[in-house]
Amino acid sequence: MKRFAIALAPLALASAAFAQTLPDVPDTDSSGNWSLVELQAVWTDLTEDAFKGIDANTDGAVDATELQAALDNGVIKTPEAASGG
């Protein structure tokens, strides 16, 4: 049983690290993902074309995986980095 717990520990830590890297972006309609308008509340210069580039599955919304990929790939910057502080 200890081996099982030890084997899962890195996965749990990786999941926690992933969750901590996303900035706080309000999901105002509680849909579980973000619209262009919701992301523009944080990234005020985000264009519709840039949003479409982040929306990898083209469903018209950005989920946590897509937002994380955009941050990881430098498509958008964390709000602190974008504001210089």
PDB file of N, CA and C in Angstrom:
ATOM      1  N   MET A   1       0.810  -1.195   0.000  1.00  0.00           N
ATOM      2  CA  MET A   1       0.000   0.000   0.000  1.00  0.00           C
ATOM      3  C   MET A   1       0.859   1.267   0.000  1.00  0.00           C
ATOM      4  N   LYS A   2       1.978   1.235   0.732  1.00  0.00           N
ATOM      5  CA  LYS A   2       2.864   2.387   0.758  1.00  0.00           C
ATOM      6  C   LYS A   2       3.429   2.662  -0.626  1.00  0.00           C
ATOM      7  N   ARG A   3       3.759   1.590  -1.351  1.00  0.00           N
ATOM      8  CA  ARG A   3       4.306   1.778  -2.702  1.00  0.00           C
ATOM      9  C   ARG A   3       3.291   2.471  -3.603  1.00  0.00           C
ATOM     10  N   PHE A   4       2.035   2.106  -3.453  1.00  0.00           N
ATOM     11  CA  PHE A   4       0.973   2.714  -4.246  1.00  0.00           C
ATOM     12  C   PHE A   4       0.873   4.206  -3.932  1.00  0.00           C
ATOM     13  N   ALA A   5       0.896   4.543  -2.658  1.00  0.00           N
ATOM     14  CA  ALA A   5       0.810   5.946  -2.237  1.00  0.00           C
ATOM     15  C   ALA A   5       2.026   6.725  -2.720  1.00  0.00           C
ATOM     16  N   ILE A   6       3.191   6.127  -2.641  1.00  0.00           N
ATOM     17  CA  ILE A   6       4.411   6.792  -3.104  1.00  0.00           C
ATOM     18  C   ILE A   6       4.356   6.995  -4.615  1.00  0.00           C
ATOM     19  N   ALA A   7       3.817   6.030  -5.329  1.00  0.00           N
ATOM     20  CA  ALA A   7       3.724   6.143  -6.784  1.00  0.00           C
ATOM     21  C   ALA A   7       2.754   7.252  -7.197  1.00  0.00           C
ATOM     22  N   LEU A   8       1.708   7.468  -6.420  1.00  0.00           N
ATOM     23  CA  LEU A   8       0.726   8.490  -6.748  1.00  0.00           C
ATOM     24  C   LEU A   8       1.120   9.890  -6.278  1.00  0.00           C
ATOM     25  N   ALA A   9       2.058   9.993  -5.373  1.00  0.00           N
ATOM     26  CA  ALA A   9       2.440  11.290  -4.822  1.00  0.00           C
ATOM     27  C   ALA A   9       2.893  12.283  -5.890  1.00  0.00           C
ATOM     28  N   PRO A  10       3.757  11.898  -6.832  1.00  0.00           N
ATOM     29  CA  PRO A  10       4.146  12.874  -7.866  1.00  0.00           C
ATOM     30  C   PRO A  10       2.965  13.349  -8.707  1.00  0.00           C
ATOM     31  N   LEU A  11       2.037  12.461  -8.987  1.00  0.00           N
ATOM     32  CA  LEU A  11       0.854  12.838  -9.752  1.00  0.00           C
ATOM     33  C   LEU A  11       0.022  13.857  -8.984  1.00  0.00           C
ATOM     34  N   ALA A  12      -0.146  13.645  -7.710  1.00  0.00           N
ATOM     35  CA  ALA A  12      -0.908  14.578  -6.880  1.00  0.00           C
ATOM     36  C   ALA A  12      -0.215  15.932  -6.815  1.00  0.00           C
ATOM     37  N   LEU A  13       1.092  15.929  -6.685  1.00  0.00           N
ATOM     38  CA  LEU A  13       1.840  17.181  -6.639  1.00  0.00           C
ATOM     39  C   LEU A  13       1.774  17.902  -7.978  1.00  0.00           C
ATOM     40  N   ALA A  14       1.861  17.172  -9.066  1.00  0.00           N
ATOM     41  CA  ALA A  14       1.770  17.784 -10.389  1.00  0.00           C
ATOM     42  C   ALA A  14       0.398  18.397 -10.592  1.00  0.00           C
ATOM     43  N   SER A  15      -0.639  17.724 -10.151  1.00  0.00           N
ATOM     44  CA  SER A  15      -1.990  18.257 -10.282  1.00  0.00           C
ATOM     45  C   SER A  15      -2.151  19.524  -9.460  1.00  0.00           C
ATOM     46  N   ALA A  16      -1.600  19.535  -8.272  1.00  0.00           N
ATOM     47  CA  ALA A  16      -1.685  20.716  -7.421  1.00  0.00           C
ATOM     48  C   ALA A  16      -0.920  21.875  -8.045  1.00  0.00           C
ATOM     49  N   ALA A  17       0.238  21.600  -8.612  1.00  0.00           N
ATOM     50  CA  ALA A  17       1.019  22.652  -9.256  1.00  0.00           C
ATOM     51  C   ALA A  17       0.269  23.214 -10.452  1.00  0.00           C
ATOM     52  N   PHE A  18      -0.373  22.352 -11.218  1.00  0.00           N
ATOM     53  CA  PHE A  18      -1.148  22.795 -12.375  1.00  0.00           C
ATOM     54  C   PHE A  18      -2.258  23.734 -11.935  1.00  0.00           C
ATOM     55  N   ALA A  19      -2.978  23.369 -10.922  1.00  0.00           N
ATOM     56  CA  ALA A  19      -4.106  24.163 -10.463  1.00  0.00           C
ATOM     57  C   ALA A  19      -3.650  25.513  -9.922  1.00  0.00           C
ATOM     58  N   GLN A  20      -2.476  25.579  -9.356  1.00  0.00           N
ATOM     59  CA  GLN A  20      -1.990  26.815  -8.761  1.00  0.00           C
ATOM     60  C   GLN A  20      -1.488  27.813  -9.790  1.00  0.00           C
ATOM     61  N   THR A  21      -1.205  27.380 -11.007  1.00  0.00           N
ATOM     62  CA  THR A  21      -0.636  28.293 -11.974  1.00  0.00           C
ATOM     63  C   THR A  21      -1.678  29.131 -12.693  1.00  0.00           C
ATOM     64  N   LEU A  22      -2.929  28.733 -12.673  1.00  0.00           N
ATOM     65  CA  LEU A  22      -3.962  29.513 -13.331  1.00  0.00           C
ATOM     66  C   LEU A  22      -4.301  30.748 -12.504  1.00  0.00           C
ATOM     67  N   PRO A  23      -4.395  31.903 -13.149  1.00  0.00           N
ATOM     68  CA  PRO A  23      -4.810  33.099 -12.410  1.00  0.00           C
ATOM     69  C   PRO A  23      -6.293  33.019 -12.066  1.00  0.00           C
ATOM     70  N   ASP A  24      -6.706  33.864 -11.169  1.00  0.00           N
ATOM     71  CA  ASP A  24      -8.112  33.917 -10.774  1.00  0.00           C
ATOM     72  C   ASP A  24      -8.894  34.668 -11.844  1.00  0.00           C
ATOM     73  N   VAL A  25      -9.641  33.932 -12.626  1.00  0.00           N
ATOM     74  CA  VAL A  25     -10.465  34.517 -13.684  1.00  0.00           C
ATOM     75  C   VAL A  25     -11.920  34.194 -13.350  1.00  0.00           C
ATOM     76  N   PRO A  26     -12.706  35.190 -13.001  1.00  0.00           N
ATOM     77  CA  PRO A  26     -14.103  34.933 -12.627  1.00  0.00           C
ATOM     78  C   PRO A  26     -14.904  34.303 -13.772  1.00  0.00           C
ATOM     79  N   ASP A  27     -15.623  33.252 -13.439  1.00  0.00           N
ATOM     80  CA  ASP A  27     -16.545  32.597 -14.374  1.00  0.00           C
ATOM     81  C   ASP A  27     -17.925  33.146 -14.032  1.00  0.00           C
ATOM     82  N   THR A  28     -18.244  34.308 -14.578  1.00  0.00           N
ATOM     83  CA  THR A  28     -19.426  35.044 -14.133  1.00  0.00           C
ATOM     84  C   THR A  28     -20.749  34.349 -14.429  1.00  0.00           C
ATOM     85  N   ASP A  29     -20.761  33.486 -15.446  1.00  0.00           N
ATOM     86  CA  ASP A  29     -22.007  32.770 -15.746  1.00  0.00           C
ATOM     87  C   ASP A  29     -22.017  31.339 -15.201  1.00  0.00           C
ATOM     88  N   SER A  30     -20.995  30.981 -14.444  1.00  0.00           N
ATOM     89  CA  SER A  30     -20.870  29.651 -13.820  1.00  0.00           C
ATOM     90  C   SER A  30     -20.989  28.508 -14.826  1.00  0.00           C
ATOM     91  N   SER A  31     -20.434  28.702 -16.016  1.00  0.00           N
ATOM     92  CA  SER A  31     -20.508  27.677 -17.059  1.00  0.00           C
ATOM     93  C   SER A  31     -19.400  26.627 -16.940  1.00  0.00           C
ATOM     94  N   GLY A  32     -18.391  26.931 -16.135  1.00  0.00           N
ATOM     95  CA  GLY A  32     -17.279  25.996 -16.010  1.00  0.00           C
ATOM     96  C   GLY A  32     -16.143  26.285 -16.981  1.00  0.00           C
ATOM     97  N   ASN A  33     -16.306  27.307 -17.806  1.00  0.00           N
ATOM     98  CA  ASN A  33     -15.251  27.747 -18.706  1.00  0.00           C
ATOM     99  C   ASN A  33     -15.412  29.255 -18.883  1.00  0.00           C
ATOM    100  N   TRP A  34     -14.580  29.850 -19.752  1.00  0.00           N
ATOM    101  CA  TRP A  34     -14.584  31.298 -19.880  1.00  0.00           C
ATOM    102  C   TRP A  34     -14.924  31.743 -21.294  1.00  0.00           C
ATOM    103  N   SER A  35     -15.706  32.795 -21.371  1.00  0.00           N
ATOM    104  CA  SER A  35     -16.043  33.432 -22.641  1.00  0.00           C
ATOM    105  C   SER A  35     -15.009  34.516 -22.937  1.00  0.00           C
ATOM    106  N   LEU A  36     -15.093  35.085 -24.117  1.00  0.00           N
ATOM    107  CA  LEU A  36     -14.221  36.202 -24.482  1.00  0.00           C
ATOM    108  C   LEU A  36     -14.392  37.347 -23.491  1.00  0.00           C
ATOM    109  N   VAL A  37     -15.625  37.690 -23.182  1.00  0.00           N
ATOM    110  CA  VAL A  37     -15.895  38.805 -22.266  1.00  0.00           C
ATOM    111  C   VAL A  37     -15.306  38.534 -20.879  1.00  0.00           C
ATOM    112  N   GLU A  38     -15.441  37.298 -20.397  1.00  0.00           N
ATOM    113  CA  GLU A  38     -14.892  36.960 -19.077  1.00  0.00           C
ATOM    114  C   GLU A  38     -13.367  37.079 -19.072  1.00  0.00           C
ATOM    115  N   LEU A  39     -12.720  36.624 -20.130  1.00  0.00           N
ATOM    116  CA  LEU A  39     -11.258  36.739 -20.185  1.00  0.00           C
ATOM    117  C   LEU A  39     -10.816  38.182 -20.376  1.00  0.00           C
ATOM    118  N   GLN A  40     -11.606  38.975 -21.084  1.00  0.00           N
ATOM    119  CA  GLN A  40     -11.265  40.382 -21.273  1.00  0.00           C
ATOM    120  C   GLN A  40     -11.339  41.176 -19.974  1.00  0.00           C
ATOM    121  N   ALA A  41     -12.043  40.664 -18.981  1.00  0.00           N
ATOM    122  CA  ALA A  41     -12.058  41.326 -17.678  1.00  0.00           C
ATOM    123  C   ALA A  41     -10.677  41.263 -17.026  1.00  0.00           C
ATOM    124  N   VAL A  42      -9.883  40.262 -17.392  1.00  0.00           N
ATOM    125  CA  VAL A  42      -8.532  40.107 -16.854  1.00  0.00           C
ATOM    126  C   VAL A  42      -7.500  40.586 -17.868  1.00  0.00           C
ATOM    127  N   TRP A  43      -7.646  40.166 -19.108  1.00  0.00           N
ATOM    128  CA  TRP A  43      -6.741  40.560 -20.196  1.00  0.00           C
ATOM    129  C   TRP A  43      -7.503  41.533 -21.081  1.00  0.00           C
ATOM    130  N   THR A  44      -7.448  42.812 -20.733  1.00  0.00           N
ATOM    131  CA  THR A  44      -8.276  43.824 -21.382  1.00  0.00           C
ATOM    132  C   THR A  44      -7.950  44.022 -22.859  1.00  0.00           C
ATOM    133  N   ASP A  45      -6.754  43.644 -23.280  1.00  0.00           N
ATOM    134  CA  ASP A  45      -6.374  43.811 -24.685  1.00  0.00           C
ATOM    135  C   ASP A  45      -6.580  42.532 -25.512  1.00  0.00           C
ATOM    136  N   LEU A  46      -7.226  41.535 -24.942  1.00  0.00           N
ATOM    137  CA  LEU A  46      -7.467  40.272 -25.651  1.00  0.00           C
ATOM    138  C   LEU A  46      -8.463  40.500 -26.786  1.00  0.00           C
ATOM    139  N   THR A  47      -8.053  40.130 -27.993  1.00  0.00           N
ATOM    140  CA  THR A  47      -8.918  40.303 -29.162  1.00  0.00           C
ATOM    141  C   THR A  47      -9.702  39.031 -29.436  1.00  0.00           C
ATOM    142  N   GLU A  48     -10.714  39.150 -30.280  1.00  0.00           N
ATOM    143  CA  GLU A  48     -11.499  37.982 -30.662  1.00  0.00           C
ATOM    144  C   GLU A  48     -10.624  36.956 -31.387  1.00  0.00           C
ATOM    145  N   ASP A  49      -9.712  37.436 -32.235  1.00  0.00           N
ATOM    146  CA  ASP A  49      -8.809  36.512 -32.941  1.00  0.00           C
ATOM    147  C   ASP A  49      -7.889  35.773 -31.969  1.00  0.00           C
ATOM    148  N   ALA A  50      -7.365  36.486 -30.969  1.00  0.00           N
ATOM    149  CA  ALA A  50      -6.508  35.838 -29.973  1.00  0.00           C
ATOM    150  C   ALA A  50      -7.308  34.816 -29.172  1.00  0.00           C
ATOM    151  N   PHE A  51      -8.554  35.166 -28.823  1.00  0.00           N
ATOM    152  CA  PHE A  51      -9.426  34.243 -28.100  1.00  0.00           C
ATOM    153  C   PHE A  51      -9.640  32.970 -28.914  1.00  0.00           C
ATOM    154  N   LYS A  52      -9.901  33.124 -30.207  1.00  0.00           N
ATOM    155  CA  LYS A  52     -10.094  31.960 -31.067  1.00  0.00           C
ATOM    156  C   LYS A  52      -8.834  31.099 -31.111  1.00  0.00           C
ATOM    157  N   GLY A  53      -7.671  31.722 -31.029  1.00  0.00           N
ATOM    158  CA  GLY A  53      -6.425  30.976 -30.988  1.00  0.00           C
ATOM    159  C   GLY A  53      -6.242  30.184 -29.703  1.00  0.00           C
ATOM    160  N   ILE A  54      -6.768  30.696 -28.611  1.00  0.00           N
ATOM    161  CA  ILE A  54      -6.695  30.005 -27.314  1.00  0.00           C
ATOM    162  C   ILE A  54      -7.713  28.870 -27.259  1.00  0.00           C
ATOM    163  N   ASP A  55      -8.862  29.077 -27.867  1.00  0.00           N
ATOM    164  CA  ASP A  55      -9.965  28.098 -27.864  1.00  0.00           C
ATOM    165  C   ASP A  55      -9.640  26.952 -28.824  1.00  0.00           C
ATOM    166  N   ALA A  56      -8.791  26.046 -28.379  1.00  0.00           N
ATOM    167  CA  ALA A  56      -8.251  24.988 -29.239  1.00  0.00           C
ATOM    168  C   ALA A  56      -9.310  24.058 -29.811  1.00  0.00           C
ATOM    169  N   ASN A  57     -10.368  23.792 -29.060  1.00  0.00           N
ATOM    170  CA  ASN A  57     -11.387  22.866 -29.561  1.00  0.00           C
ATOM    171  C   ASN A  57     -12.529  23.590 -30.273  1.00  0.00           C
ATOM    172  N   THR A  58     -12.392  24.893 -30.460  1.00  0.00           N
ATOM    173  CA  THR A  58     -13.339  25.747 -31.188  1.00  0.00           C
ATOM    174  C   THR A  58     -14.795  25.600 -30.735  1.00  0.00           C
ATOM    175  N   ASP A  59     -14.991  25.474 -29.424  1.00  0.00           N
ATOM    176  CA  ASP A  59     -16.356  25.382 -28.914  1.00  0.00           C
ATOM    177  C   ASP A  59     -16.908  26.740 -28.470  1.00  0.00           C
ATOM    178  N   GLY A  60     -16.124  27.792 -28.667  1.00  0.00           N
ATOM    179  CA  GLY A  60     -16.580  29.127 -28.308  1.00  0.00           C
ATOM    180  C   GLY A  60     -16.331  29.506 -26.866  1.00  0.00           C
ATOM    181  N   ALA A  61     -15.608  28.661 -26.141  1.00  0.00           N
ATOM    182  CA  ALA A  61     -15.273  28.931 -24.748  1.00  0.00           C
ATOM    183  C   ALA A  61     -13.875  28.393 -24.471  1.00  0.00           C
ATOM    184  N   VAL A  62     -13.235  28.927 -23.455  1.00  0.00           N
ATOM    185  CA  VAL A  62     -11.900  28.489 -23.063  1.00  0.00           C
ATOM    186  C   VAL A  62     -12.006  27.741 -21.748  1.00  0.00           C
ATOM    187  N   ASP A  63     -11.508  26.502 -21.738  1.00  0.00           N
ATOM    188  CA  ASP A  63     -11.507  25.731 -20.492  1.00  0.00           C
ATOM    189  C   ASP A  63     -10.142  25.863 -19.818  1.00  0.00           C
ATOM    190  N   ALA A  64     -10.005  25.253 -18.651  1.00  0.00           N
ATOM    191  CA  ALA A  64      -8.784  25.386 -17.864  1.00  0.00           C
ATOM    192  C   ALA A  64      -7.561  24.853 -18.615  1.00  0.00           C
ATOM    193  N   THR A  65      -7.725  23.769 -19.359  1.00  0.00           N
ATOM    194  CA  THR A  65      -6.607  23.200 -20.109  1.00  0.00           C
ATOM    195  C   THR A  65      -6.152  24.155 -21.204  1.00  0.00           C
ATOM    196  N   GLU A  66      -7.099  24.743 -21.900  1.00  0.00           N
ATOM    197  CA  GLU A  66      -6.764  25.692 -22.967  1.00  0.00           C
ATOM    198  C   GLU A  66      -6.116  26.949 -22.402  1.00  0.00           C
ATOM    199  N   LEU A  67      -6.624  27.442 -21.279  1.00  0.00           N
ATOM    200  CA  LEU A  67      -6.041  28.625 -20.649  1.00  0.00           C
ATOM    201  C   LEU A  67      -4.631  28.336 -20.175  1.00  0.00           C
ATOM    202  N   GLN A  68      -4.426  27.169 -19.581  1.00  0.00           N
ATOM    203  CA  GLN A  68      -3.093  26.797 -19.124  1.00  0.00           C
ATOM    204  C   GLN A  68      -2.131  26.701 -20.298  1.00  0.00           C
ATOM    205  N   ALA A  69      -2.570  26.105 -21.405  1.00  0.00           N
ATOM    206  CA  ALA A  69      -1.716  25.991 -22.589  1.00  0.00           C
ATOM    207  C   ALA A  69      -1.351  27.372 -23.130  1.00  0.00           C
ATOM    208  N   ALA A  70      -2.310  28.290 -23.130  1.00  0.00           N
ATOM    209  CA  ALA A  70      -2.036  29.648 -23.606  1.00  0.00           C
ATOM    210  C   ALA A  70      -1.000  30.343 -22.725  1.00  0.00           C
ATOM    211  N   LEU A  71      -1.094  30.149 -21.425  1.00  0.00           N
ATOM    212  CA  LEU A  71      -0.114  30.722 -20.507  1.00  0.00           C
ATOM    213  C   LEU A  71       1.252  30.065 -20.686  1.00  0.00           C
ATOM    214  N   ASP A  72       1.273  28.737 -20.769  1.00  0.00           N
ATOM    215  CA  ASP A  72       2.531  28.002 -20.913  1.00  0.00           C
ATOM    216  C   ASP A  72       3.255  28.350 -22.206  1.00  0.00           C
ATOM    217  N   ASN A  73       2.484  28.604 -23.262  1.00  0.00           N
ATOM    218  CA  ASN A  73       3.075  28.881 -24.577  1.00  0.00           C
ATOM    219  C   ASN A  73       3.297  30.365 -24.834  1.00  0.00           C
ATOM    220  N   GLY A  74       3.027  31.201 -23.846  1.00  0.00           N
ATOM    221  CA  GLY A  74       3.271  32.630 -23.972  1.00  0.00           C
ATOM    222  C   GLY A  74       2.264  33.366 -24.841  1.00  0.00           C
ATOM    223  N   VAL A  75       1.137  32.738 -25.128  1.00  0.00           N
ATOM    224  CA  VAL A  75       0.095  33.398 -25.916  1.00  0.00           C
ATOM    225  C   VAL A  75      -0.484  34.561 -25.115  1.00  0.00           C
ATOM    226  N   ILE A  76      -0.676  34.339 -23.828  1.00  0.00           N
ATOM    227  CA  ILE A  76      -1.055  35.390 -22.889  1.00  0.00           C
ATOM    228  C   ILE A  76      -0.125  35.298 -21.696  1.00  0.00           C
ATOM    229  N   LYS A  77      -0.022  36.368 -20.961  1.00  0.00           N
ATOM    230  CA  LYS A  77       0.830  36.404 -19.757  1.00  0.00           C
ATOM    231  C   LYS A  77      -0.054  36.410 -18.528  1.00  0.00           C
ATOM    232  N   THR A  78       0.509  35.945 -17.418  1.00  0.00           N
ATOM    233  CA  THR A  78      -0.242  36.027 -16.166  1.00  0.00           C
ATOM    234  C   THR A  78      -0.556  37.488 -15.884  1.00  0.00           C
ATOM    235  N   PRO A  79      -1.658  37.780 -15.259  1.00  0.00           N
ATOM    236  CA  PRO A  79      -2.027  39.189 -15.025  1.00  0.00           C
ATOM    237  C   PRO A  79      -0.931  39.988 -14.331  1.00  0.00           C
ATOM    238  N   GLU A  80      -0.192  39.393 -13.399  1.00  0.00           N
ATOM    239  CA  GLU A  80       0.893  40.100 -12.715  1.00  0.00           C
ATOM    240  C   GLU A  80       1.975  40.492 -13.718  1.00  0.00           C
ATOM    241  N   ALA A  81       2.322  39.564 -14.609  1.00  0.00           N
ATOM    242  CA  ALA A  81       3.354  39.832 -15.603  1.00  0.00           C
ATOM    243  C   ALA A  81       2.868  40.862 -16.623  1.00  0.00           C
ATOM    244  N   ALA A  82       1.607  40.803 -16.950  1.00  0.00           N
ATOM    245  CA  ALA A  82       1.053  41.725 -17.934  1.00  0.00           C
ATOM    246  C   ALA A  82       1.005  43.147 -17.385  1.00  0.00           C
ATOM    247  N   SER A  83       0.796  43.279 -16.069  1.00  0.00           N
ATOM    248  CA  SER A  83       0.686  44.598 -15.483  1.00  0.00           C
ATOM    249  C   SER A  83       2.022  45.121 -14.964  1.00  0.00           C
ATOM    250  N   GLY A  84       3.054  44.278 -15.054  1.00  0.00           N
ATOM    251  CA  GLY A  84       4.374  44.715 -14.629  1.00  0.00           C
ATOM    252  C   GLY A  84       4.596  44.636 -13.145  1.00  0.00           C
ATOM    253  N   GLY A  85       3.705  43.931 -12.416  1.00  0.00           N
ATOM    254  CA  GLY A  85       3.928  43.914 -10.992  1.00  0.00           C
ATOM    255  C   GLY A  85       3.506  42.674 -10.400  1.00  0.00           C
TER     256      GLY A  85
END
